[in-house]
Amino acid sequence: LAGSAPNKPLIADDNGLATLVHVMRVFGERAGDKACGEADRKNYYGVQEQCVGTLVAMCLRYPEGAARCGQEGCFEAVFDAMAAAASHKGLQRASCMFFRNAVVRNAENKAPILATGAEVLLRLAKRNHPDECMDVSSA
């Protein structure tokens, strides 16, 4: 979705980041519902993983995208998804890549990301999913 450089400003300028955050929140709520079955929960975490993957691409080679992620609530949404789905390897990996890319492309993102408490979750992801997260969780 955001893999093409010309698409990134269009996504950022046309409420794309806010839409991704909204989708992540909706599917996070569904996954957290006590009546949710395990298969549905995995599916909902998979949707969140795809949203985070788009945010990863938005930050890659696009510093403005990384800055906009900080302004539009993406850090908190990814933190919440990561915290709720500690066992979902794909979501953990995508979240690690997102936080890394957001800091690498915009150093000003470091303080707000640390303020979410993401460092604890990044360390936990590295420990729980070393094959998936070790190479992508440090900036």
N, C-alpha and C. Protein backbone atom coordinates (compact mmCIF):
# COMPACT_ATOMS: atom_id res chain seq x y z
N LEU A 1 0.82 -1.20 0.00
CA LEU A 1 0.00 0.00 0.00
C LEU A 1 0.86 1.26 0.00
N ALA A 2 1.85 1.30 0.90
CA ALA A 2 2.71 2.48 0.99
C ALA A 2 4.11 2.16 0.48
N GLY A 3 4.25 1.07 -0.26
CA GLY A 3 5.56 0.70 -0.77
C GLY A 3 6.05 1.58 -1.90
N SER A 4 5.16 2.29 -2.53
CA SER A 4 5.51 3.18 -3.63
C SER A 4 5.70 4.60 -3.10
N ALA A 5 6.86 5.18 -3.37
CA ALA A 5 7.18 6.52 -2.86
C ALA A 5 6.12 7.57 -3.19
N PRO A 6 5.56 7.59 -4.41
CA PRO A 6 4.54 8.61 -4.69
C PRO A 6 3.26 8.46 -3.86
N ASN A 7 2.98 7.25 -3.37
CA ASN A 7 1.77 7.03 -2.58
C ASN A 7 1.90 7.55 -1.16
N LYS A 8 3.10 7.62 -0.63
CA LYS A 8 3.29 7.97 0.78
C LYS A 8 2.73 9.36 1.12
N PRO A 9 3.05 10.40 0.37
CA PRO A 9 2.46 11.71 0.70
C PRO A 9 0.94 11.72 0.55
N LEU A 10 0.43 10.97 -0.41
CA LEU A 10 -1.02 10.92 -0.60
C LEU A 10 -1.69 10.28 0.61
N ILE A 11 -1.11 9.22 1.11
CA ILE A 11 -1.66 8.55 2.29
C ILE A 11 -1.59 9.49 3.49
N ALA A 12 -0.44 10.13 3.67
CA ALA A 12 -0.25 11.03 4.82
C ALA A 12 -1.17 12.24 4.74
N ASP A 13 -1.37 12.78 3.55
CA ASP A 13 -2.15 14.00 3.40
C ASP A 13 -3.66 13.78 3.34
N ASP A 14 -4.08 12.55 3.15
CA ASP A 14 -5.52 12.31 2.98
C ASP A 14 -6.08 11.41 4.09
N ASN A 15 -5.66 11.67 5.33
CA ASN A 15 -6.16 10.96 6.51
C ASN A 15 -5.83 9.48 6.53
N GLY A 16 -4.85 9.07 5.75
CA GLY A 16 -4.48 7.65 5.73
C GLY A 16 -3.95 7.14 7.04
N LEU A 17 -3.13 7.94 7.72
CA LEU A 17 -2.57 7.49 9.00
C LEU A 17 -3.67 7.38 10.05
N ALA A 18 -4.55 8.37 10.09
CA ALA A 18 -5.66 8.32 11.04
C ALA A 18 -6.56 7.12 10.76
N THR A 19 -6.74 6.79 9.50
CA THR A 19 -7.55 5.62 9.14
C THR A 19 -6.89 4.34 9.62
N LEU A 20 -5.58 4.23 9.42
CA LEU A 20 -4.87 3.04 9.90
C LEU A 20 -4.97 2.91 11.41
N VAL A 21 -4.80 4.01 12.12
CA VAL A 21 -4.93 3.99 13.58
C VAL A 21 -6.33 3.54 13.98
N HIS A 22 -7.34 4.07 13.29
CA HIS A 22 -8.73 3.69 13.59
C HIS A 22 -8.94 2.19 13.36
N VAL A 23 -8.48 1.67 12.25
CA VAL A 23 -8.63 0.25 11.95
C VAL A 23 -7.92 -0.59 13.02
N MET A 24 -6.71 -0.16 13.40
CA MET A 24 -5.99 -0.89 14.44
C MET A 24 -6.78 -0.92 15.75
N ARG A 25 -7.36 0.21 16.10
CA ARG A 25 -8.13 0.30 17.35
C ARG A 25 -9.39 -0.59 17.30
N VAL A 26 -10.10 -0.54 16.18
CA VAL A 26 -11.32 -1.35 16.03
C VAL A 26 -10.99 -2.84 16.15
N PHE A 27 -9.96 -3.27 15.43
CA PHE A 27 -9.64 -4.69 15.46
C PHE A 27 -8.99 -5.09 16.78
N GLY A 28 -8.32 -4.16 17.44
CA GLY A 28 -7.81 -4.43 18.78
C GLY A 28 -8.93 -4.63 19.78
N GLU A 29 -9.97 -3.82 19.67
CA GLU A 29 -11.14 -3.99 20.54
C GLU A 29 -11.82 -5.33 20.29
N ARG A 30 -11.93 -5.69 19.04
CA ARG A 30 -12.55 -6.98 18.71
C ARG A 30 -11.73 -8.14 19.27
N ALA A 31 -10.41 -8.04 19.12
CA ALA A 31 -9.54 -9.10 19.64
C ALA A 31 -9.62 -9.21 21.16
N GLY A 32 -9.85 -8.08 21.81
CA GLY A 32 -9.92 -8.06 23.26
C GLY A 32 -11.27 -8.46 23.84
N ASP A 33 -12.26 -8.64 22.99
CA ASP A 33 -13.59 -9.04 23.46
C ASP A 33 -13.51 -10.45 24.04
N LYS A 34 -14.02 -10.62 25.23
CA LYS A 34 -13.99 -11.92 25.91
C LYS A 34 -14.68 -13.02 25.10
N ALA A 35 -15.67 -12.65 24.31
CA ALA A 35 -16.41 -13.64 23.52
C ALA A 35 -15.69 -14.00 22.22
N CYS A 36 -14.58 -13.35 21.93
CA CYS A 36 -13.84 -13.58 20.69
C CYS A 36 -13.15 -14.95 20.74
N GLY A 37 -13.35 -15.73 19.70
CA GLY A 37 -12.67 -17.02 19.60
C GLY A 37 -11.21 -16.84 19.20
N GLU A 38 -10.42 -17.86 19.45
CA GLU A 38 -8.98 -17.78 19.18
C GLU A 38 -8.69 -17.56 17.69
N ALA A 39 -9.43 -18.22 16.81
CA ALA A 39 -9.19 -18.05 15.37
C ALA A 39 -9.49 -16.61 14.94
N ASP A 40 -10.58 -16.05 15.45
CA ASP A 40 -10.90 -14.66 15.12
C ASP A 40 -9.85 -13.72 15.69
N ARG A 41 -9.41 -14.00 16.92
CA ARG A 41 -8.40 -13.14 17.56
C ARG A 41 -7.13 -13.11 16.71
N LYS A 42 -6.68 -14.26 16.24
CA LYS A 42 -5.47 -14.31 15.39
C LYS A 42 -5.70 -13.52 14.10
N ASN A 43 -6.90 -13.63 13.55
CA ASN A 43 -7.23 -12.87 12.34
C ASN A 43 -7.18 -11.37 12.62
N TYR A 44 -7.73 -10.94 13.74
CA TYR A 44 -7.75 -9.51 14.08
C TYR A 44 -6.34 -9.00 14.31
N TYR A 45 -5.50 -9.80 14.96
CA TYR A 45 -4.10 -9.40 15.12
C TYR A 45 -3.40 -9.34 13.76
N GLY A 46 -3.80 -10.22 12.85
CA GLY A 46 -3.24 -10.18 11.50
C GLY A 46 -3.61 -8.90 10.77
N VAL A 47 -4.82 -8.41 10.97
CA VAL A 47 -5.22 -7.13 10.37
C VAL A 47 -4.36 -6.01 10.96
N GLN A 48 -4.16 -6.04 12.27
CA GLN A 48 -3.31 -5.03 12.89
C GLN A 48 -1.89 -5.11 12.35
N GLU A 49 -1.40 -6.32 12.15
CA GLU A 49 -0.06 -6.51 11.59
C GLU A 49 0.06 -5.83 10.22
N GLN A 50 -0.96 -5.97 9.39
CA GLN A 50 -0.94 -5.35 8.07
C GLN A 50 -0.96 -3.82 8.17
N CYS A 51 -1.73 -3.30 9.11
CA CYS A 51 -1.75 -1.85 9.33
C CYS A 51 -0.37 -1.36 9.76
N VAL A 52 0.24 -2.07 10.70
CA VAL A 52 1.58 -1.68 11.15
C VAL A 52 2.57 -1.80 10.00
N GLY A 53 2.42 -2.81 9.18
CA GLY A 53 3.30 -2.95 8.02
C GLY A 53 3.21 -1.76 7.09
N THR A 54 2.03 -1.21 6.94
CA THR A 54 1.87 -0.01 6.13
C THR A 54 2.57 1.17 6.80
N LEU A 55 2.47 1.26 8.12
CA LEU A 55 3.18 2.33 8.85
C LEU A 55 4.69 2.16 8.72
N VAL A 56 5.17 0.92 8.73
CA VAL A 56 6.60 0.66 8.52
C VAL A 56 7.03 1.27 7.19
N ALA A 57 6.26 0.98 6.15
CA ALA A 57 6.58 1.50 4.82
C ALA A 57 6.47 3.02 4.76
N MET A 58 5.53 3.59 5.50
CA MET A 58 5.37 5.05 5.51
C MET A 58 6.60 5.75 6.06
N CYS A 59 7.32 5.09 6.95
CA CYS A 59 8.52 5.69 7.55
C CYS A 59 9.78 5.42 6.72
N LEU A 60 9.76 4.40 5.92
CA LEU A 60 10.94 3.99 5.17
C LEU A 60 11.27 5.00 4.07
N ARG A 61 12.42 5.58 4.15
CA ARG A 61 12.90 6.57 3.17
C ARG A 61 11.92 7.73 2.99
N TYR A 62 11.19 8.06 4.06
CA TYR A 62 10.23 9.15 4.00
C TYR A 62 10.17 9.81 5.39
N PRO A 63 11.13 10.68 5.70
CA PRO A 63 11.17 11.31 7.03
C PRO A 63 9.88 12.04 7.40
N GLU A 64 9.22 12.64 6.43
CA GLU A 64 7.95 13.32 6.71
C GLU A 64 6.90 12.33 7.20
N GLY A 65 6.90 11.13 6.64
CA GLY A 65 5.97 10.10 7.09
C GLY A 65 6.23 9.72 8.53
N ALA A 66 7.51 9.60 8.88
CA ALA A 66 7.86 9.28 10.27
C ALA A 66 7.41 10.38 11.21
N ALA A 67 7.59 11.63 10.80
CA ALA A 67 7.15 12.76 11.62
C ALA A 67 5.63 12.75 11.78
N ARG A 68 4.94 12.50 10.69
CA ARG A 68 3.48 12.49 10.74
C ARG A 68 2.95 11.36 11.62
N CYS A 69 3.64 10.23 11.64
CA CYS A 69 3.22 9.13 12.52
C CYS A 69 3.23 9.58 13.97
N GLY A 70 4.21 10.38 14.33
CA GLY A 70 4.29 10.90 15.69
C GLY A 70 3.17 11.87 16.01
N GLN A 71 2.71 12.59 15.01
CA GLN A 71 1.68 13.61 15.20
C GLN A 71 0.27 13.02 15.19
N GLU A 72 0.11 11.83 14.65
CA GLU A 72 -1.24 11.30 14.41
C GLU A 72 -1.60 10.07 15.25
N GLY A 73 -0.90 9.88 16.35
CA GLY A 73 -1.27 8.83 17.29
C GLY A 73 -0.83 7.43 16.93
N CYS A 74 0.06 7.31 15.96
CA CYS A 74 0.50 5.98 15.53
C CYS A 74 1.32 5.27 16.61
N PHE A 75 2.15 6.02 17.34
CA PHE A 75 3.01 5.39 18.35
C PHE A 75 2.16 4.69 19.40
N GLU A 76 1.16 5.37 19.88
CA GLU A 76 0.31 4.81 20.92
C GLU A 76 -0.49 3.62 20.41
N ALA A 77 -0.99 3.71 19.19
CA ALA A 77 -1.78 2.61 18.61
C ALA A 77 -0.92 1.37 18.43
N VAL A 78 0.31 1.55 17.95
CA VAL A 78 1.20 0.40 17.76
C VAL A 78 1.60 -0.17 19.12
N PHE A 79 1.89 0.70 20.07
CA PHE A 79 2.21 0.24 21.42
C PHE A 79 1.07 -0.62 21.97
N ASP A 80 -0.15 -0.13 21.87
CA ASP A 80 -1.30 -0.86 22.40
C ASP A 80 -1.47 -2.22 21.71
N ALA A 81 -1.30 -2.25 20.40
CA ALA A 81 -1.42 -3.51 19.66
C ALA A 81 -0.32 -4.48 20.08
N MET A 82 0.88 -3.95 20.21
CA MET A 82 2.02 -4.78 20.60
C MET A 82 1.81 -5.36 22.01
N ALA A 83 1.31 -4.53 22.92
CA ALA A 83 1.08 -4.97 24.30
C ALA A 83 -0.01 -6.04 24.37
N ALA A 84 -1.03 -5.91 23.56
CA ALA A 84 -2.15 -6.84 23.62
C ALA A 84 -1.85 -8.16 22.93
N ALA A 85 -0.92 -8.17 22.01
CA ALA A 85 -0.68 -9.37 21.20
C ALA A 85 0.77 -9.86 21.33
N ALA A 86 1.21 -10.02 22.57
CA ALA A 86 2.61 -10.39 22.82
C ALA A 86 2.99 -11.73 22.18
N SER A 87 2.03 -12.60 21.96
CA SER A 87 2.34 -13.92 21.38
C SER A 87 2.29 -13.94 19.86
N HIS A 88 1.81 -12.87 19.24
CA HIS A 88 1.66 -12.84 17.77
C HIS A 88 2.98 -12.38 17.15
N LYS A 89 3.73 -13.34 16.61
CA LYS A 89 5.08 -13.07 16.11
C LYS A 89 5.09 -12.02 15.01
N GLY A 90 4.16 -12.10 14.09
CA GLY A 90 4.14 -11.16 12.96
C GLY A 90 3.88 -9.74 13.41
N LEU A 91 2.93 -9.55 14.32
CA LEU A 91 2.64 -8.22 14.82
C LEU A 91 3.80 -7.68 15.64
N GLN A 92 4.45 -8.55 16.40
CA GLN A 92 5.60 -8.11 17.17
C GLN A 92 6.73 -7.65 16.24
N ARG A 93 7.00 -8.43 15.19
CA ARG A 93 8.07 -8.07 14.25
C ARG A 93 7.74 -6.75 13.55
N ALA A 94 6.52 -6.62 13.06
CA ALA A 94 6.14 -5.39 12.36
C ALA A 94 6.23 -4.19 13.30
N SER A 95 5.83 -4.36 14.54
CA SER A 95 5.89 -3.26 15.51
C SER A 95 7.34 -2.86 15.79
N CYS A 96 8.20 -3.85 15.94
CA CYS A 96 9.63 -3.55 16.13
C CYS A 96 10.18 -2.76 14.95
N MET A 97 9.85 -3.19 13.74
CA MET A 97 10.32 -2.49 12.55
C MET A 97 9.76 -1.07 12.50
N PHE A 98 8.50 -0.91 12.87
CA PHE A 98 7.89 0.42 12.86
C PHE A 98 8.64 1.36 13.79
N PHE A 99 8.82 0.96 15.04
CA PHE A 99 9.49 1.85 15.99
C PHE A 99 10.92 2.15 15.54
N ARG A 100 11.61 1.15 15.02
CA ARG A 100 12.97 1.38 14.52
C ARG A 100 12.96 2.39 13.37
N ASN A 101 12.12 2.17 12.38
CA ASN A 101 12.08 3.07 11.22
C ASN A 101 11.66 4.48 11.62
N ALA A 102 10.72 4.59 12.55
CA ALA A 102 10.24 5.91 12.97
C ALA A 102 11.36 6.72 13.61
N VAL A 103 12.24 6.06 14.36
CA VAL A 103 13.36 6.76 15.01
C VAL A 103 14.48 7.03 14.01
N VAL A 104 14.79 6.05 13.18
CA VAL A 104 15.88 6.22 12.22
C VAL A 104 15.56 7.35 11.23
N ARG A 105 14.32 7.47 10.82
CA ARG A 105 13.95 8.50 9.85
C ARG A 105 13.66 9.85 10.48
N ASN A 106 13.43 9.88 11.78
CA ASN A 106 13.16 11.16 12.45
C ASN A 106 13.58 11.01 13.92
N ALA A 107 14.77 11.49 14.23
CA ALA A 107 15.32 11.34 15.58
C ALA A 107 14.44 12.00 16.64
N GLU A 108 13.64 12.98 16.25
CA GLU A 108 12.74 13.63 17.20
C GLU A 108 11.65 12.69 17.71
N ASN A 109 11.47 11.56 17.05
CA ASN A 109 10.47 10.59 17.49
C ASN A 109 10.93 9.76 18.69
N LYS A 110 12.21 9.79 18.98
CA LYS A 110 12.73 8.93 20.04
C LYS A 110 12.05 9.20 21.39
N ALA A 111 11.99 10.45 21.80
CA ALA A 111 11.41 10.78 23.12
C ALA A 111 9.93 10.38 23.20
N PRO A 112 9.09 10.73 22.21
CA PRO A 112 7.69 10.32 22.33
C PRO A 112 7.48 8.81 22.27
N ILE A 113 8.33 8.12 21.54
CA ILE A 113 8.22 6.66 21.50
C ILE A 113 8.59 6.08 22.86
N LEU A 114 9.69 6.58 23.44
CA LEU A 114 10.08 6.10 24.76
C LEU A 114 9.01 6.43 25.80
N ALA A 115 8.33 7.54 25.63
CA ALA A 115 7.28 7.94 26.57
C ALA A 115 6.10 6.97 26.55
N THR A 116 5.89 6.26 25.46
CA THR A 116 4.80 5.28 25.42
C THR A 116 5.11 4.05 26.25
N GLY A 117 6.39 3.83 26.52
CA GLY A 117 6.81 2.61 27.20
C GLY A 117 7.23 1.52 26.23
N ALA A 118 7.41 1.89 24.98
CA ALA A 118 7.72 0.90 23.94
C ALA A 118 9.03 0.15 24.18
N GLU A 119 9.98 0.78 24.86
CA GLU A 119 11.26 0.11 25.06
C GLU A 119 11.09 -1.23 25.78
N VAL A 120 10.23 -1.27 26.77
CA VAL A 120 9.98 -2.52 27.51
C VAL A 120 9.40 -3.58 26.56
N LEU A 121 8.46 -3.17 25.72
CA LEU A 121 7.85 -4.13 24.79
C LEU A 121 8.84 -4.58 23.72
N LEU A 122 9.72 -3.70 23.28
CA LEU A 122 10.73 -4.07 22.30
C LEU A 122 11.69 -5.11 22.89
N ARG A 123 12.10 -4.90 24.12
CA ARG A 123 12.98 -5.87 24.78
C ARG A 123 12.27 -7.21 24.96
N LEU A 124 11.01 -7.15 25.33
CA LEU A 124 10.22 -8.37 25.51
C LEU A 124 10.06 -9.11 24.18
N ALA A 125 9.82 -8.38 23.11
CA ALA A 125 9.68 -9.01 21.78
C ALA A 125 10.99 -9.69 21.38
N LYS A 126 12.11 -9.03 21.63
CA LYS A 126 13.41 -9.63 21.31
C LYS A 126 13.63 -10.93 22.10
N ARG A 127 13.22 -10.92 23.36
CA ARG A 127 13.40 -12.10 24.21
C ARG A 127 12.44 -13.22 23.80
N ASN A 128 11.17 -12.87 23.56
CA ASN A 128 10.16 -13.89 23.26
C ASN A 128 10.19 -14.39 21.82
N HIS A 129 10.64 -13.55 20.90
CA HIS A 129 10.64 -13.90 19.47
C HIS A 129 11.98 -13.54 18.84
N PRO A 130 13.08 -14.16 19.30
CA PRO A 130 14.40 -13.75 18.80
C PRO A 130 14.57 -13.94 17.29
N ASP A 131 14.00 -14.98 16.74
CA ASP A 131 14.16 -15.21 15.30
C ASP A 131 13.46 -14.13 14.48
N GLU A 132 12.36 -13.62 14.98
CA GLU A 132 11.57 -12.64 14.24
C GLU A 132 11.99 -11.20 14.55
N CYS A 133 12.42 -10.93 15.78
CA CYS A 133 12.56 -9.54 16.22
C CYS A 133 13.98 -9.08 16.51
N MET A 134 14.93 -9.98 16.69
CA MET A 134 16.26 -9.57 17.12
C MET A 134 16.90 -8.57 16.15
N ASP A 135 16.74 -8.81 14.86
CA ASP A 135 17.42 -7.98 13.87
C ASP A 135 16.69 -6.68 13.55
N VAL A 136 15.48 -6.48 14.06
CA VAL A 136 14.69 -5.31 13.67
C VAL A 136 14.26 -4.44 14.83
N SER A 137 14.68 -4.75 16.04
CA SER A 137 14.12 -4.06 17.20
C SER A 137 15.03 -3.02 17.80
N SER A 138 16.13 -2.69 17.17
CA SER A 138 17.05 -1.68 17.72
C SER A 138 17.31 -0.60 16.69
N ALA A 139 17.33 0.63 17.20
CA ALA A 139 17.64 1.76 16.31
C ALA A 139 18.92 2.42 16.78
